[in-house]
């Protein structure tokens, strides 16, 4: 019966994956699956006399108490941070600051008018930089479709090549404002900025180079094979606020503040560290001052705070509730012996920590493809890592980092992902056609990640 818990975990994971693939509400699926696992574990332990419930205690009540504690602790910590990020992103999008940043970032493309495919791959690093500052895959995808897509089409790039490049810009979820980064650093109990600078940036540079080279040849091959022609003078019907160019500084304010007050750089004589939530709030008020100077309408400025709070609410009902449900699901998997089973199998096969890391990285990659969400996949499996890493005597980040990146990579190959569905609709292509274009570059980047990271870390 040593592997009974592990086998049961696999069965539950398969059922959960099937339900998510059929577009069942993910929060409900993960929550009920987690409660079920906790009930099974508690029932088995009770009947095997391995635990004795306290007087006036009841297993089901204890589980719901745990759910309450999950809501309380998540909302007070990482939940608040993520909601602040969501509110800020909603605000800068509404005032046109995101568009101003994109407009400035795209100017270098004008030098590559005679090299359409080269111009296309140059969008990858630009998109990555923008994704660090505007950490919403679907949001950035739509913004790039409104700005980059027509430019690439008029340069001679096919619709499929252009939209595949745009979706690839969201394949590597890094940066202090990223929801997955916030979750990873909270799980590992480390600071965000050092994680971003010392761990995420080096591997992200390598992966972006791999993606640029592979997309250049893949898109060129498929365009020639499918005899695809550019849609000349393509226009995207989307109303965008044309904000002043100076507004382009607003989306990167949180990053600047976090870097200056992180302790990594010695800029000021007084050592002062600022957390992500605080940086978002400071940046919000600076953005409000920009708007006040531009519009000189105090009533509208005060009303604009509603955008921030609505953004926070939207993130709570989509992302934070997903984190809570995934945390309960993860605890259910831990309690039933999923991690212990993985460790035992890895040790039995002689893989050790490397084997476990590779298994978890690949698992979360396919989970993101099935779920259509890198966030959901990471939230479900990320919390499992500290216990597993401790048993191997390694740092949690040695496994969390590749999982962080593979989760967002998997999303770029999911026909269910919001960013693929939204961009496919605008481009007039199918999401499966985008997946076909993304398959080789993203798969190569995953292989590069596994070889580079686990080759260096172990």
Protein backbone atom coordinates (compact mmCIF):
# COMPACT_ATOMS: atom_id res chain seq x y z
CA UNK A 1 0.00 0.00 0.00
CA UNK A 2 3.05 2.24 -0.13
CA UNK A 3 2.00 3.78 -3.43
CA UNK A 4 -1.77 3.84 -2.75
CA UNK A 5 -1.79 7.56 -1.97
CA UNK A 6 0.35 8.36 -5.00
CA UNK A 7 -1.86 6.31 -7.33
CA UNK A 8 -4.96 7.98 -5.89
CA UNK A 9 -3.33 11.38 -6.45
CA UNK A 10 -2.66 10.56 -10.11
CA UNK A 11 -6.29 9.49 -10.57
CA UNK A 12 -7.53 12.75 -9.05
CA UNK A 13 -5.10 14.81 -11.17
CA UNK A 14 -6.35 13.07 -14.33
CA UNK A 15 -9.98 13.74 -13.37
CA UNK A 16 -9.17 17.38 -12.60
CA UNK A 17 -7.33 17.75 -15.93
CA UNK A 18 -10.30 16.31 -17.85
CA UNK A 19 -12.76 18.63 -16.12
CA UNK A 20 -10.56 21.67 -16.75
CA UNK A 21 -10.14 20.63 -20.38
CA UNK A 22 -13.95 20.61 -20.68
CA UNK A 23 -13.99 24.21 -19.38
CA UNK A 24 -15.41 23.46 -15.93
CA UNK A 25 -14.97 26.37 -13.51
CA UNK A 26 -11.33 25.85 -12.33
CA UNK A 27 -11.74 27.33 -8.83
CA UNK A 28 -14.61 24.92 -8.07
CA UNK A 29 -12.81 21.92 -9.58
CA UNK A 30 -9.59 22.50 -7.61
CA UNK A 31 -11.44 23.33 -4.38
CA UNK A 32 -13.66 20.24 -4.46
CA UNK A 33 -10.73 18.02 -5.49
CA UNK A 34 -8.66 19.38 -2.59
CA UNK A 35 -11.46 18.87 -0.06
CA UNK A 36 -12.01 15.34 -1.37
CA UNK A 37 -8.32 14.47 -0.95
CA UNK A 38 -8.25 15.93 2.56
CA UNK A 39 -11.38 14.00 3.51
CA UNK A 40 -9.96 10.74 2.17
CA UNK A 41 -6.69 11.30 4.01
CA UNK A 42 -8.44 12.23 7.24
CA UNK A 43 -10.82 9.29 6.99
CA UNK A 44 -8.04 6.79 6.31
CA UNK A 45 -5.93 8.11 9.18
CA UNK A 46 -8.89 8.02 11.56
CA UNK A 47 -9.95 4.47 10.73
CA UNK A 48 -6.32 3.32 10.83
CA UNK A 49 -6.04 4.98 14.27
CA UNK A 50 -3.08 7.09 13.10
CA UNK A 51 -4.89 10.23 14.25
CA UNK A 52 -7.38 10.86 17.03
CA UNK A 53 -9.74 13.79 16.66
CA UNK A 54 -9.95 16.11 19.63
CA UNK A 55 -13.11 16.28 21.69
CA UNK A 56 -15.84 18.39 20.05
CA UNK A 57 -13.87 18.22 16.80
CA UNK A 58 -15.13 17.07 13.42
CA UNK A 59 -13.01 16.32 10.35
CA UNK A 60 -15.21 18.24 7.87
CA UNK A 61 -15.35 21.26 10.16
CA UNK A 62 -11.55 21.19 10.46
CA UNK A 63 -11.23 21.22 6.68
CA UNK A 64 -13.51 24.25 6.35
CA UNK A 65 -11.53 25.97 9.10
CA UNK A 66 -8.45 25.35 6.96
CA UNK A 67 -10.22 26.89 3.96
CA UNK A 68 -11.05 29.95 6.05
CA UNK A 69 -7.42 30.26 7.12
CA UNK A 70 -6.34 29.98 3.48
CA UNK A 71 -8.58 32.90 2.54
CA UNK A 72 -7.30 34.96 5.45
CA UNK A 73 -3.58 34.33 4.93
CA UNK A 74 -3.68 34.63 1.13
CA UNK A 75 -5.66 37.87 1.12
CA UNK A 76 -3.37 39.39 3.74
CA UNK A 77 -0.17 38.53 1.86
CA UNK A 78 0.29 37.50 -1.76
CA UNK A 79 -3.40 38.12 -2.54
CA UNK A 80 -3.15 41.82 -1.71
CA UNK A 81 0.03 42.12 -3.78
CA UNK A 82 -1.59 40.50 -6.79
CA UNK A 83 -4.72 42.63 -6.48
CA UNK A 84 -2.57 45.78 -6.33
CA UNK A 85 -0.79 44.64 -9.50
CA UNK A 86 -4.13 43.99 -11.21
CA UNK A 87 -5.52 47.37 -10.18
CA UNK A 88 -2.43 49.22 -11.42
CA UNK A 89 -2.41 47.38 -14.76
CA UNK A 90 -6.10 48.23 -15.27
CA UNK A 91 -5.43 51.91 -14.48
CA UNK A 92 -2.44 52.37 -16.79
CA UNK A 93 -4.31 50.64 -19.58
CA UNK A 94 -7.29 52.96 -19.15
CA UNK A 95 -5.25 56.18 -19.21
CA UNK A 96 -3.26 55.06 -22.26
CA UNK A 97 0.10 54.63 -20.50
CA UNK A 98 0.52 51.04 -21.73
CA UNK A 99 -0.09 52.14 -25.31
CA UNK A 100 2.44 54.98 -24.95
CA UNK A 101 5.10 52.51 -23.77
CA UNK A 102 4.39 50.16 -26.69
CA UNK A 103 4.50 53.06 -29.16
CA UNK A 104 7.97 54.06 -27.94
CA UNK A 105 9.26 50.49 -27.84
CA UNK A 106 8.25 49.80 -31.45
CA UNK A 107 10.22 52.66 -33.02
CA UNK A 108 13.34 50.51 -33.68
CA UNK A 109 11.29 48.31 -36.05
CA UNK A 110 11.20 51.11 -38.61
CA UNK A 111 14.85 50.34 -39.48
CA UNK A 112 13.95 46.82 -40.69
CA UNK A 113 11.45 47.62 -43.44
CA UNK A 114 13.26 45.42 -46.00
CA UNK A 115 13.63 42.42 -43.64
CA UNK A 116 10.10 41.42 -42.59
CA UNK A 117 10.95 38.16 -40.81
CA UNK A 118 13.88 39.76 -39.03
CA UNK A 119 11.62 42.63 -37.96
CA UNK A 120 9.12 40.06 -36.69
CA UNK A 121 11.58 38.26 -34.41
CA UNK A 122 12.81 41.60 -33.06
CA UNK A 123 9.35 41.94 -31.52
CA UNK A 124 10.21 39.04 -29.17
CA UNK A 125 12.68 40.89 -26.86
CA UNK A 126 10.63 44.08 -27.12
CA UNK A 127 7.53 42.14 -26.15
CA UNK A 128 9.40 40.49 -23.28
CA UNK A 129 10.41 43.89 -21.87
CA UNK A 130 6.84 45.10 -22.23
CA UNK A 131 5.54 41.93 -20.54
CA UNK A 132 7.70 42.67 -17.51
CA UNK A 133 5.97 46.05 -17.16
CA UNK A 134 2.48 45.02 -18.33
CA UNK A 135 2.18 41.52 -16.80
CA UNK A 136 -1.13 40.49 -18.36
CA UNK A 137 -0.77 37.95 -21.17
CA UNK A 138 -4.17 38.60 -22.73
CA UNK A 139 -3.90 42.35 -22.11
CA UNK A 140 -0.46 42.68 -23.69
CA UNK A 141 -1.48 40.37 -26.53
CA UNK A 142 -4.42 42.61 -27.43
CA UNK A 143 -2.27 45.72 -27.10
CA UNK A 144 0.35 44.27 -29.46
CA UNK A 145 -2.37 43.19 -31.88
CA UNK A 146 -3.56 46.78 -32.02
CA UNK A 147 -0.07 48.22 -32.49
CA UNK A 148 2.47 45.66 -33.71
CA UNK A 149 0.24 43.47 -35.88
CA UNK A 150 -0.57 46.12 -38.53
CA UNK A 151 3.09 47.15 -38.66
CA UNK A 152 4.29 43.58 -39.26
CA UNK A 153 1.59 42.95 -41.87
CA UNK A 154 2.56 46.06 -43.80
CA UNK A 155 6.22 45.00 -43.62
CA UNK A 156 5.30 41.78 -45.43
CA UNK A 157 4.81 39.31 -42.57
CA UNK A 158 1.90 36.84 -42.83
CA UNK A 159 -0.94 36.99 -40.32
CA UNK A 160 0.00 33.66 -38.72
CA UNK A 161 3.66 34.61 -38.44
CA UNK A 162 2.78 37.96 -36.89
CA UNK A 163 0.29 36.59 -34.36
CA UNK A 164 2.61 33.72 -33.37
CA UNK A 165 5.39 36.21 -32.64
CA UNK A 166 3.00 38.33 -30.58
CA UNK A 167 1.86 35.38 -28.45
CA UNK A 168 5.48 34.34 -27.94
CA UNK A 169 6.08 37.66 -26.19
CA UNK A 170 4.04 36.29 -23.27
CA UNK A 171 5.82 32.92 -23.11
CA UNK A 172 8.24 33.85 -20.31
CA UNK A 173 6.50 35.19 -17.24
CA UNK A 174 9.17 37.11 -15.32
CA UNK A 175 9.53 40.38 -13.41
CA UNK A 176 8.48 41.77 -10.02
CA UNK A 177 4.98 42.60 -11.29
CA UNK A 178 4.31 39.05 -12.50
CA UNK A 179 1.66 37.09 -10.61
CA UNK A 180 3.65 33.86 -10.94
CA UNK A 181 6.80 35.62 -9.69
CA UNK A 182 4.87 36.90 -6.69
CA UNK A 183 3.62 33.40 -5.95
CA UNK A 184 7.04 31.77 -6.47
CA UNK A 185 8.86 34.18 -4.16
CA UNK A 186 6.15 33.82 -1.53
CA UNK A 187 6.38 30.01 -1.70
CA UNK A 188 10.19 30.08 -1.52
CA UNK A 189 10.12 32.83 1.13
CA UNK A 190 12.64 35.00 -0.73
CA UNK A 191 12.69 38.61 -1.93
CA UNK A 192 11.29 39.42 -5.36
CA UNK A 193 13.98 41.67 -6.86
CA UNK A 194 16.99 39.35 -6.25
CA UNK A 195 14.92 36.47 -7.68
CA UNK A 196 14.18 38.55 -10.77
CA UNK A 197 17.73 39.88 -11.30
CA UNK A 198 19.83 36.88 -10.29
CA UNK A 199 17.63 33.99 -11.40
CA UNK A 200 15.00 35.00 -13.95
CA UNK A 201 16.95 37.43 -16.17
CA UNK A 202 19.95 35.17 -17.05
CA UNK A 203 17.81 32.26 -18.22
CA UNK A 204 15.23 34.55 -19.87
CA UNK A 205 17.96 36.10 -22.07
CA UNK A 206 19.04 32.66 -23.31
CA UNK A 207 15.46 31.51 -23.89
CA UNK A 208 14.59 34.67 -25.83
CA UNK A 209 17.58 34.11 -28.13
CA UNK A 210 16.47 30.51 -28.76
CA UNK A 211 12.92 31.68 -29.50
CA UNK A 212 14.07 34.45 -31.87
CA UNK A 213 16.28 32.12 -33.92
CA UNK A 214 13.70 29.32 -34.07
CA UNK A 215 10.78 31.61 -34.98
CA UNK A 216 12.80 33.15 -37.81
CA UNK A 217 13.23 29.79 -39.53
CA UNK A 218 9.91 28.23 -38.51
CA UNK A 219 7.76 31.12 -39.74
CA UNK A 220 9.80 31.48 -42.91
CA UNK A 221 9.38 27.74 -43.60
CA UNK A 222 5.64 27.65 -42.91
CA UNK A 223 4.93 30.84 -44.86
CA UNK A 224 6.67 29.34 -47.89
CA UNK A 225 5.04 25.93 -47.42
CA UNK A 226 1.52 27.29 -46.92
CA UNK A 227 2.06 30.04 -49.51
CA UNK A 228 0.75 32.63 -47.07
CA UNK A 229 0.73 36.26 -48.13
CA UNK A 230 0.54 39.32 -45.89
CA UNK A 231 -2.77 41.09 -45.49
CA UNK A 232 -1.72 44.50 -46.81
CA UNK A 233 -2.85 47.58 -44.91
CA UNK A 234 -4.39 45.52 -42.12
CA UNK A 235 -6.10 47.60 -39.50
CA UNK A 236 -7.24 46.60 -36.05
CA UNK A 237 -10.49 48.12 -34.91
CA UNK A 238 -9.75 49.04 -31.34
CA UNK A 239 -10.06 52.38 -29.67
CA UNK A 240 -6.86 53.34 -27.89
CA UNK A 241 -6.30 56.49 -25.89
CA UNK A 242 -3.40 58.38 -27.45
CA UNK A 243 -1.60 59.46 -24.32
CA UNK A 244 1.48 61.72 -24.38
CA UNK A 245 4.80 59.93 -24.90
CA UNK A 246 5.88 60.80 -21.34
CA UNK A 247 3.18 58.41 -20.14
CA UNK A 248 5.42 55.59 -21.35
CA UNK A 249 7.39 55.93 -18.10
CA UNK A 250 4.36 55.06 -15.94
CA UNK A 251 4.20 51.27 -16.61
CA UNK A 252 7.88 50.87 -15.68
CA UNK A 253 7.65 52.95 -12.48
CA UNK A 254 7.04 49.92 -10.21
CA UNK A 255 10.12 48.21 -11.65
CA UNK A 256 12.26 51.34 -11.16
CA UNK A 257 11.03 51.81 -7.58
CA UNK A 258 11.60 48.16 -6.68
CA UNK A 259 15.11 48.18 -8.13
CA UNK A 260 16.11 51.45 -6.46
CA UNK A 261 14.79 50.40 -3.07
CA UNK A 262 15.67 46.70 -3.15
CA UNK A 263 19.03 46.75 -1.41
CA UNK A 264 20.61 45.34 -4.58
CA UNK A 265 21.86 48.75 -5.69
CA UNK A 266 23.40 51.37 -3.41
CA UNK A 267 21.72 54.53 -4.67
CA UNK A 268 20.59 56.33 -1.52
CA UNK A 269 22.47 56.78 1.77
CA UNK A 270 19.47 55.46 3.71
CA UNK A 271 18.75 51.75 3.27
CA UNK A 272 15.05 51.44 2.58
CA UNK A 273 13.31 48.42 1.09
CA UNK A 274 9.97 48.77 -0.66
CA UNK A 275 7.67 45.81 -1.27
CA UNK A 276 5.81 45.18 -4.52
CA UNK A 277 2.41 46.26 -3.15
CA UNK A 278 3.85 49.56 -1.89
CA UNK A 279 5.60 50.16 -5.23
CA UNK A 280 2.30 49.64 -7.05
CA UNK A 281 0.50 52.12 -4.79
CA UNK A 282 3.25 54.74 -5.17
CA UNK A 283 3.18 54.29 -8.94
CA UNK A 284 -0.61 54.62 -8.96
CA UNK A 285 -0.50 57.99 -7.24
CA UNK A 286 2.24 59.20 -9.59
CA UNK A 287 0.02 58.15 -12.51
CA UNK A 288 -2.88 60.06 -10.93
CA UNK A 289 -0.68 63.18 -10.73
CA UNK A 290 0.16 62.76 -14.44
CA UNK A 291 -3.56 62.60 -15.23
CA UNK A 292 -4.32 65.61 -13.02
CA UNK A 293 -1.72 67.71 -14.84
CA UNK A 294 -3.00 66.55 -18.24
CA UNK A 295 -6.78 66.81 -17.70
CA UNK A 296 -7.02 69.34 -14.84
CA UNK A 297 -10.33 67.72 -13.91
CA UNK A 298 -10.33 66.85 -10.21
CA UNK A 299 -13.77 65.20 -10.28
CA UNK A 300 -12.76 62.81 -13.07
CA UNK A 301 -9.44 62.11 -11.36
CA UNK A 302 -11.18 61.11 -8.13
CA UNK A 303 -13.62 58.98 -10.12
CA UNK A 304 -10.72 57.27 -11.88
CA UNK A 305 -9.76 55.50 -8.65
CA UNK A 306 -12.73 53.24 -9.37
CA UNK A 307 -10.70 51.79 -12.26
CA UNK A 308 -8.00 50.72 -9.81
CA UNK A 309 -10.47 49.20 -7.36
CA UNK A 310 -12.39 47.47 -10.14
CA UNK A 311 -9.10 46.03 -11.36
CA UNK A 312 -8.37 44.75 -7.86
CA UNK A 313 -11.81 43.17 -7.72
CA UNK A 314 -11.40 41.51 -11.10
CA UNK A 315 -8.08 40.02 -10.04
CA UNK A 316 -9.57 38.79 -6.76
CA UNK A 317 -12.42 36.92 -8.43
CA UNK A 318 -10.17 35.40 -11.10
CA UNK A 319 -6.61 35.01 -9.81
CA UNK A 320 -6.70 35.22 -6.00
CA UNK A 321 -9.61 32.80 -5.66
CA UNK A 322 -7.73 30.49 -8.01
CA UNK A 323 -4.65 30.68 -5.78
CA UNK A 324 -6.73 29.78 -2.72
CA UNK A 325 -8.45 26.86 -4.46
CA UNK A 326 -5.11 25.64 -5.84
CA UNK A 327 -3.51 25.89 -2.38
CA UNK A 328 -6.22 23.63 -0.94
CA UNK A 329 -5.77 21.22 -3.86
CA UNK A 330 -2.00 21.23 -3.31
CA UNK A 331 -2.41 20.51 0.40
CA UNK A 332 -4.71 17.64 -0.47
CA UNK A 333 -2.06 16.20 -2.80
CA UNK A 334 0.64 16.62 -0.16
CA UNK A 335 -1.48 14.98 2.54
CA UNK A 336 -2.35 11.97 0.39
CA UNK A 337 1.33 11.33 -0.45
CA UNK A 338 1.76 12.67 -3.99
CA UNK A 339 5.11 14.32 -3.31
CA UNK A 340 6.37 11.39 -1.23
CA UNK A 341 5.47 9.11 -4.13
CA UNK A 342 7.29 11.30 -6.65
CA UNK A 343 10.38 11.37 -4.43
CA UNK A 344 10.33 7.61 -3.95
CA UNK A 345 9.99 7.00 -7.69
CA UNK A 346 12.74 9.50 -8.50
CA UNK A 347 15.09 7.89 -6.00
CA UNK A 348 14.15 4.40 -7.21
CA UNK A 349 15.01 5.35 -10.78
CA UNK A 350 18.23 6.98 -9.64
CA UNK A 351 17.11 10.47 -10.71
CA UNK A 352 17.28 12.22 -7.34
CA UNK A 353 16.67 15.94 -7.21
CA UNK A 354 17.33 16.40 -10.94
CA UNK A 355 14.69 13.83 -11.83
CA UNK A 356 12.13 15.40 -9.53
CA UNK A 357 12.85 18.87 -10.93
CA UNK A 358 12.52 17.69 -14.54
CA UNK A 359 9.31 15.77 -13.77
CA UNK A 360 7.70 18.78 -12.06
CA UNK A 361 8.82 21.18 -14.81
CA UNK A 362 7.39 18.98 -17.57
CA UNK A 363 4.25 18.24 -15.54
CA UNK A 364 3.44 21.92 -15.03
CA UNK A 365 4.15 22.58 -18.72
CA UNK A 366 1.48 20.10 -19.81
CA UNK A 367 -0.85 21.22 -17.01
CA UNK A 368 -0.70 24.77 -18.39
CA UNK A 369 -1.52 23.45 -21.89
CA UNK A 370 -4.54 21.55 -20.53
CA UNK A 371 -5.76 24.38 -18.31
CA UNK A 372 -5.05 27.19 -20.74
CA UNK A 373 -3.55 29.10 -17.83
CA UNK A 374 0.04 29.30 -16.62
CA UNK A 375 -1.20 30.84 -13.36
CA UNK A 376 -3.58 27.98 -12.60
CA UNK A 377 -0.93 25.36 -13.31
CA UNK A 378 1.68 27.05 -11.14
CA UNK A 379 -0.72 27.75 -8.29
CA UNK A 380 -1.74 24.08 -8.27
CA UNK A 381 1.76 22.57 -8.16
CA UNK A 382 4.06 25.36 -6.90
CA UNK A 383 3.13 24.93 -3.20
CA UNK A 384 4.23 21.27 -3.36
CA UNK A 385 7.88 22.17 -3.91
CA UNK A 386 9.25 23.37 -0.51
CA UNK A 387 8.57 20.01 1.16
CA UNK A 388 10.05 18.08 -1.75
CA UNK A 389 13.13 20.32 -2.00
CA UNK A 390 13.75 20.03 1.75
CA UNK A 391 13.82 16.22 1.53
CA UNK A 392 16.54 16.44 -1.12
CA UNK A 393 18.40 19.18 0.72
CA UNK A 394 18.15 21.68 -2.14
CA UNK A 395 16.81 25.24 -2.45
CA UNK A 396 13.15 25.54 -3.45
CA UNK A 397 14.04 27.97 -6.22
CA UNK A 398 16.09 25.32 -8.03
CA UNK A 399 12.77 23.67 -8.93
CA UNK A 400 10.40 26.66 -8.68
CA UNK A 401 12.31 28.73 -11.28
CA UNK A 402 11.98 26.26 -14.18
CA UNK A 403 8.37 25.60 -13.14
CA UNK A 404 7.76 29.37 -13.18
CA UNK A 405 8.98 29.56 -16.79
CA UNK A 406 7.49 26.30 -18.08
CA UNK A 407 4.03 27.30 -16.80
CA UNK A 408 3.96 30.37 -19.03
CA UNK A 409 5.53 28.41 -21.91
CA UNK A 410 2.73 25.85 -21.71
CA UNK A 411 0.14 28.62 -21.92
CA UNK A 412 1.66 29.68 -25.28
CA UNK A 413 0.83 26.19 -26.61
CA UNK A 414 -2.72 26.01 -25.27
CA UNK A 415 -5.56 26.60 -27.75
CA UNK A 416 -7.67 27.37 -24.65
CA UNK A 417 -5.45 30.19 -23.42
CA UNK A 418 -7.09 33.61 -23.34
CA UNK A 419 -4.19 35.28 -25.12
CA UNK A 420 -4.33 32.80 -28.03
CA UNK A 421 -8.11 32.94 -28.35
CA UNK A 422 -8.18 36.74 -28.28
CA UNK A 423 -5.33 37.27 -30.74
CA UNK A 424 -6.60 34.51 -33.06
CA UNK A 425 -10.02 36.17 -33.23
CA UNK A 426 -8.51 39.53 -34.20
CA UNK A 427 -6.07 38.02 -36.71
CA UNK A 428 -8.78 35.90 -38.33
CA UNK A 429 -6.96 32.61 -37.76
CA UNK A 430 -7.58 29.59 -35.52
CA UNK A 431 -5.89 29.19 -32.16
CA UNK A 432 -4.75 25.72 -33.24
CA UNK A 433 -2.92 27.28 -36.20
CA UNK A 434 -1.06 29.54 -33.75
CA UNK A 435 -0.21 26.50 -31.59
CA UNK A 436 1.25 24.82 -34.69
CA UNK A 437 3.55 27.83 -35.26
CA UNK A 438 4.50 28.01 -31.58
CA UNK A 439 5.17 24.29 -31.10
CA UNK A 440 8.79 24.06 -32.29
CA UNK A 441 10.11 27.34 -30.79
CA UNK A 442 8.41 26.78 -27.41
CA UNK A 443 9.45 23.11 -27.28
CA UNK A 444 13.05 24.09 -28.05
CA UNK A 445 12.95 26.72 -25.31
CA UNK A 446 11.65 24.13 -22.82
CA UNK A 447 14.45 21.73 -23.80
CA UNK A 448 16.98 24.57 -23.45
CA UNK A 449 15.57 25.43 -20.03
CA UNK A 450 15.91 21.84 -18.80
CA UNK A 451 19.46 21.40 -20.11
CA UNK A 452 20.74 24.82 -19.03
CA UNK A 453 19.08 25.06 -15.64
CA UNK A 454 19.51 21.53 -14.35
CA UNK A 455 22.97 21.31 -15.88
CA UNK A 456 24.08 24.36 -13.87
CA UNK A 457 22.12 23.85 -10.65
CA UNK A 458 23.08 20.24 -10.00
